[in-house]
Amino acid sequence: MNPSSILKSIYQHPQLNSASVEEIIKAHKKVFFKKSEIILKQGQQSNAYYCME
């Protein structure tokens, strides 16, 4: 499944048309992490969210 398909499945809302979903997708940034790298510790606050492949 490609990243665009994954994000389209996340942003399913009756008031979002395809153009709006595409804008949201373009605002995302792909980030890579090393295997076993800690991204966020339990209880820690974040200003982002993560979608794992």
PDB file of N, CA and C in Angstrom:
ATOM      1  N   MET A   1       0.856  -1.180   0.000  1.00  0.00           N
ATOM      2  CA  MET A   1       0.000   0.000   0.000  1.00  0.00           C
ATOM      3  C   MET A   1       0.904   1.246   0.000  1.00  0.00           C
ATOM      4  N   ASN A   2       0.654   2.180  -0.882  1.00  0.00           N
ATOM      5  CA  ASN A   2       1.496   3.376  -0.934  1.00  0.00           C
ATOM      6  C   ASN A   2       1.057   4.411   0.104  1.00  0.00           C
ATOM      7  N   PRO A   3       1.914   5.347   0.456  1.00  0.00           N
ATOM      8  CA  PRO A   3       1.591   6.338   1.492  1.00  0.00           C
ATOM      9  C   PRO A   3       0.317   7.121   1.216  1.00  0.00           C
ATOM     10  N   SER A   4       0.059   7.455  -0.033  1.00  0.00           N
ATOM     11  CA  SER A   4      -1.146   8.207  -0.380  1.00  0.00           C
ATOM     12  C   SER A   4      -2.400   7.398  -0.039  1.00  0.00           C
ATOM     13  N   SER A   5      -2.390   6.118  -0.337  1.00  0.00           N
ATOM     14  CA  SER A   5      -3.533   5.249  -0.027  1.00  0.00           C
ATOM     15  C   SER A   5      -3.746   5.137   1.473  1.00  0.00           C
ATOM     16  N   ILE A   6      -2.647   5.019   2.208  1.00  0.00           N
ATOM     17  CA  ILE A   6      -2.735   4.911   3.667  1.00  0.00           C
ATOM     18  C   ILE A   6      -3.374   6.164   4.240  1.00  0.00           C
ATOM     19  N   LEU A   7      -2.886   7.332   3.811  1.00  0.00           N
ATOM     20  CA  LEU A   7      -3.424   8.586   4.344  1.00  0.00           C
ATOM     21  C   LEU A   7      -4.867   8.809   3.914  1.00  0.00           C
ATOM     22  N   LYS A   8      -5.231   8.403   2.700  1.00  0.00           N
ATOM     23  CA  LYS A   8      -6.623   8.536   2.262  1.00  0.00           C
ATOM     24  C   LYS A   8      -7.540   7.677   3.126  1.00  0.00           C
ATOM     25  N   SER A   9      -7.053   6.535   3.580  1.00  0.00           N
ATOM     26  CA  SER A   9      -7.875   5.684   4.440  1.00  0.00           C
ATOM     27  C   SER A   9      -8.022   6.283   5.839  1.00  0.00           C
ATOM     28  N   ILE A  10      -7.036   7.086   6.271  1.00  0.00           N
ATOM     29  CA  ILE A  10      -7.103   7.741   7.576  1.00  0.00           C
ATOM     30  C   ILE A  10      -8.075   8.913   7.535  1.00  0.00           C
ATOM     31  N   TYR A  11      -8.013   9.707   6.469  1.00  0.00           N
ATOM     32  CA  TYR A  11      -8.822  10.924   6.360  1.00  0.00           C
ATOM     33  C   TYR A  11     -10.129  10.663   5.630  1.00  0.00           C
ATOM     34  N   GLN A  12     -10.978   9.827   6.212  1.00  0.00           N
ATOM     35  CA  GLN A  12     -12.290   9.552   5.645  1.00  0.00           C
ATOM     36  C   GLN A  12     -13.311  10.377   6.419  1.00  0.00           C
ATOM     37  N   HIS A  13     -13.792  11.415   5.790  1.00  0.00           N
ATOM     38  CA  HIS A  13     -14.776  12.294   6.417  1.00  0.00           C
ATOM     39  C   HIS A  13     -15.742  12.735   5.330  1.00  0.00           C
ATOM     40  N   PRO A  14     -17.031  12.718   5.601  1.00  0.00           N
ATOM     41  CA  PRO A  14     -18.017  13.045   4.565  1.00  0.00           C
ATOM     42  C   PRO A  14     -17.868  14.455   3.964  1.00  0.00           C
ATOM     43  N   GLN A  15     -17.299  15.382   4.711  1.00  0.00           N
ATOM     44  CA  GLN A  15     -17.177  16.755   4.214  1.00  0.00           C
ATOM     45  C   GLN A  15     -15.828  17.040   3.552  1.00  0.00           C
ATOM     46  N   LEU A  16     -14.953  16.042   3.465  1.00  0.00           N
ATOM     47  CA  LEU A  16     -13.664  16.227   2.803  1.00  0.00           C
ATOM     48  C   LEU A  16     -13.744  15.671   1.380  1.00  0.00           C
ATOM     49  N   ASN A  17     -13.565  16.541   0.398  1.00  0.00           N
ATOM     50  CA  ASN A  17     -13.540  16.058  -0.983  1.00  0.00           C
ATOM     51  C   ASN A  17     -12.121  15.621  -1.330  1.00  0.00           C
ATOM     52  N   SER A  18     -11.947  15.065  -2.513  1.00  0.00           N
ATOM     53  CA  SER A  18     -10.635  14.550  -2.926  1.00  0.00           C
ATOM     54  C   SER A  18      -9.555  15.629  -2.924  1.00  0.00           C
ATOM     55  N   ALA A  19      -9.905  16.837  -3.363  1.00  0.00           N
ATOM     56  CA  ALA A  19      -8.925  17.926  -3.400  1.00  0.00           C
ATOM     57  C   ALA A  19      -8.446  18.277  -1.992  1.00  0.00           C
ATOM     58  N   SER A  20      -9.356  18.279  -1.030  1.00  0.00           N
ATOM     59  CA  SER A  20      -8.991  18.584   0.356  1.00  0.00           C
ATOM     60  C   SER A  20      -8.087  17.509   0.932  1.00  0.00           C
ATOM     61  N   VAL A  21      -8.410  16.260   0.645  1.00  0.00           N
ATOM     62  CA  VAL A  21      -7.586  15.148   1.121  1.00  0.00           C
ATOM     63  C   VAL A  21      -6.192  15.245   0.519  1.00  0.00           C
ATOM     64  N   GLU A  22      -6.085  15.583  -0.766  1.00  0.00           N
ATOM     65  CA  GLU A  22      -4.783  15.724  -1.416  1.00  0.00           C
ATOM     66  C   GLU A  22      -3.965  16.842  -0.768  1.00  0.00           C
ATOM     67  N   GLU A  23      -4.610  17.945  -0.395  1.00  0.00           N
ATOM     68  CA  GLU A  23      -3.907  19.044   0.294  1.00  0.00           C
ATOM     69  C   GLU A  23      -3.350  18.572   1.627  1.00  0.00           C
ATOM     70  N   ILE A  24      -4.138  17.815   2.359  1.00  0.00           N
ATOM     71  CA  ILE A  24      -3.702  17.284   3.656  1.00  0.00           C
ATOM     72  C   ILE A  24      -2.507  16.353   3.449  1.00  0.00           C
ATOM     73  N   ILE A  25      -2.595  15.500   2.442  1.00  0.00           N
ATOM     74  CA  ILE A  25      -1.520  14.558   2.159  1.00  0.00           C
ATOM     75  C   ILE A  25      -0.235  15.295   1.805  1.00  0.00           C
ATOM     76  N   LYS A  26      -0.330  16.351   1.012  1.00  0.00           N
ATOM     77  CA  LYS A  26       0.855  17.126   0.632  1.00  0.00           C
ATOM     78  C   LYS A  26       1.522  17.795   1.833  1.00  0.00           C
ATOM     79  N   ALA A  27       0.750  18.061   2.887  1.00  0.00           N
ATOM     80  CA  ALA A  27       1.295  18.714   4.081  1.00  0.00           C
ATOM     81  C   ALA A  27       2.109  17.743   4.947  1.00  0.00           C
ATOM     82  N   HIS A  28       1.984  16.440   4.692  1.00  0.00           N
ATOM     83  CA  HIS A  28       2.725  15.448   5.461  1.00  0.00           C
ATOM     84  C   HIS A  28       4.181  15.386   5.015  1.00  0.00           C
ATOM     85  N   LYS A  29       5.017  14.985   5.931  1.00  0.00           N
ATOM     86  CA  LYS A  29       6.437  14.859   5.650  1.00  0.00           C
ATOM     87  C   LYS A  29       6.877  13.447   6.024  1.00  0.00           C
ATOM     88  N   LYS A  30       7.522  12.782   5.091  1.00  0.00           N
ATOM     89  CA  LYS A  30       8.010  11.428   5.350  1.00  0.00           C
ATOM     90  C   LYS A  30       9.307  11.522   6.138  1.00  0.00           C
ATOM     91  N   VAL A  31       9.377  10.778   7.226  1.00  0.00           N
ATOM     92  CA  VAL A  31      10.545  10.788   8.101  1.00  0.00           C
ATOM     93  C   VAL A  31      10.995   9.338   8.285  1.00  0.00           C
ATOM     94  N   PHE A  32      12.280   9.132   8.296  1.00  0.00           N
ATOM     95  CA  PHE A  32      12.822   7.783   8.462  1.00  0.00           C
ATOM     96  C   PHE A  32      13.496   7.655   9.827  1.00  0.00           C
ATOM     97  N   PHE A  33      13.336   6.482  10.430  1.00  0.00           N
ATOM     98  CA  PHE A  33      13.959   6.189  11.711  1.00  0.00           C
ATOM     99  C   PHE A  33      14.736   4.890  11.593  1.00  0.00           C
ATOM    100  N   LYS A  34      15.762   4.774  12.399  1.00  0.00           N
ATOM    101  CA  LYS A  34      16.547   3.538  12.425  1.00  0.00           C
ATOM    102  C   LYS A  34      15.760   2.458  13.158  1.00  0.00           C
ATOM    103  N   LYS A  35      16.029   1.218  12.833  1.00  0.00           N
ATOM    104  CA  LYS A  35      15.390   0.095  13.507  1.00  0.00           C
ATOM    105  C   LYS A  35      15.662   0.195  15.002  1.00  0.00           C
ATOM    106  N   SER A  36      14.643   0.031  15.797  1.00  0.00           N
ATOM    107  CA  SER A  36      14.691   0.082  17.271  1.00  0.00           C
ATOM    108  C   SER A  36      14.920   1.483  17.831  1.00  0.00           C
ATOM    109  N   GLU A  37      14.922   2.508  16.988  1.00  0.00           N
ATOM    110  CA  GLU A  37      15.073   3.873  17.485  1.00  0.00           C
ATOM    111  C   GLU A  37      13.802   4.286  18.227  1.00  0.00           C
ATOM    112  N   ILE A  38      13.956   4.913  19.368  1.00  0.00           N
ATOM    113  CA  ILE A  38      12.813   5.371  20.145  1.00  0.00           C
ATOM    114  C   ILE A  38      12.304   6.671  19.524  1.00  0.00           C
ATOM    115  N   ILE A  39      11.039   6.669  19.137  1.00  0.00           N
ATOM    116  CA  ILE A  39      10.424   7.834  18.503  1.00  0.00           C
ATOM    117  C   ILE A  39       9.747   8.701  19.560  1.00  0.00           C
ATOM    118  N   LEU A  40       9.050   8.057  20.459  1.00  0.00           N
ATOM    119  CA  LEU A  40       8.309   8.750  21.502  1.00  0.00           C
ATOM    120  C   LEU A  40       8.161   7.804  22.688  1.00  0.00           C
ATOM    121  N   LYS A  41       8.423   8.294  23.875  1.00  0.00           N
ATOM    122  CA  LYS A  41       8.287   7.463  25.075  1.00  0.00           C
ATOM    123  C   LYS A  41       6.865   7.563  25.605  1.00  0.00           C
ATOM    124  N   GLN A  42       6.403   6.482  26.217  1.00  0.00           N
ATOM    125  CA  GLN A  42       5.059   6.451  26.783  1.00  0.00           C
ATOM    126  C   GLN A  42       4.882   7.596  27.765  1.00  0.00           C
ATOM    127  N   GLY A  43       3.783   8.340  27.597  1.00  0.00           N
ATOM    128  CA  GLY A  43       3.483   9.456  28.477  1.00  0.00           C
ATOM    129  C   GLY A  43       4.060  10.784  28.005  1.00  0.00           C
ATOM    130  N   GLN A  44       4.988  10.729  27.067  1.00  0.00           N
ATOM    131  CA  GLN A  44       5.607  11.935  26.534  1.00  0.00           C
ATOM    132  C   GLN A  44       4.648  12.620  25.550  1.00  0.00           C
ATOM    133  N   GLN A  45       4.572  13.945  25.598  1.00  0.00           N
ATOM    134  CA  GLN A  45       3.707  14.687  24.679  1.00  0.00           C
ATOM    135  C   GLN A  45       4.430  14.930  23.361  1.00  0.00           C
ATOM    136  N   SER A  46       3.663  15.041  22.302  1.00  0.00           N
ATOM    137  CA  SER A  46       4.245  15.259  20.981  1.00  0.00           C
ATOM    138  C   SER A  46       3.453  16.326  20.238  1.00  0.00           C
ATOM    139  N   ASN A  47       4.095  16.999  19.308  1.00  0.00           N
ATOM    140  CA  ASN A  47       3.380  17.967  18.469  1.00  0.00           C
ATOM    141  C   ASN A  47       3.172  17.383  17.070  1.00  0.00           C
ATOM    142  N   ALA A  48       3.311  16.075  16.945  1.00  0.00           N
ATOM    143  CA  ALA A  48       3.160  15.404  15.666  1.00  0.00           C
ATOM    144  C   ALA A  48       2.460  14.070  15.895  1.00  0.00           C
ATOM    145  N   TYR A  49       2.077  13.443  14.802  1.00  0.00           N
ATOM    146  CA  TYR A  49       1.585  12.069  14.896  1.00  0.00           C
ATOM    147  C   TYR A  49       2.339  11.242  13.866  1.00  0.00           C
ATOM    148  N   TYR A  50       2.333   9.955  14.057  1.00  0.00           N
ATOM    149  CA  TYR A  50       3.133   9.090  13.216  1.00  0.00           C
ATOM    150  C   TYR A  50       2.262   8.006  12.600  1.00  0.00           C
ATOM    151  N   CYS A  51       2.467   7.769  11.339  1.00  0.00           N
ATOM    152  CA  CYS A  51       1.772   6.711  10.599  1.00  0.00           C
ATOM    153  C   CYS A  51       2.862   5.745  10.142  1.00  0.00           C
ATOM    154  N   MET A  52       2.872   4.553  10.697  1.00  0.00           N
ATOM    155  CA  MET A  52       3.937   3.594  10.402  1.00  0.00           C
ATOM    156  C   MET A  52       3.544   2.715   9.227  1.00  0.00           C
ATOM    157  N   GLU A  53       4.515   2.436   8.360  1.00  0.00           N
ATOM    158  CA  GLU A  53       4.296   1.498   7.258  1.00  0.00           C
ATOM    159  C   GLU A  53       4.651   0.111   7.704  1.00  0.00           C
TER     160      GLU A  53
END
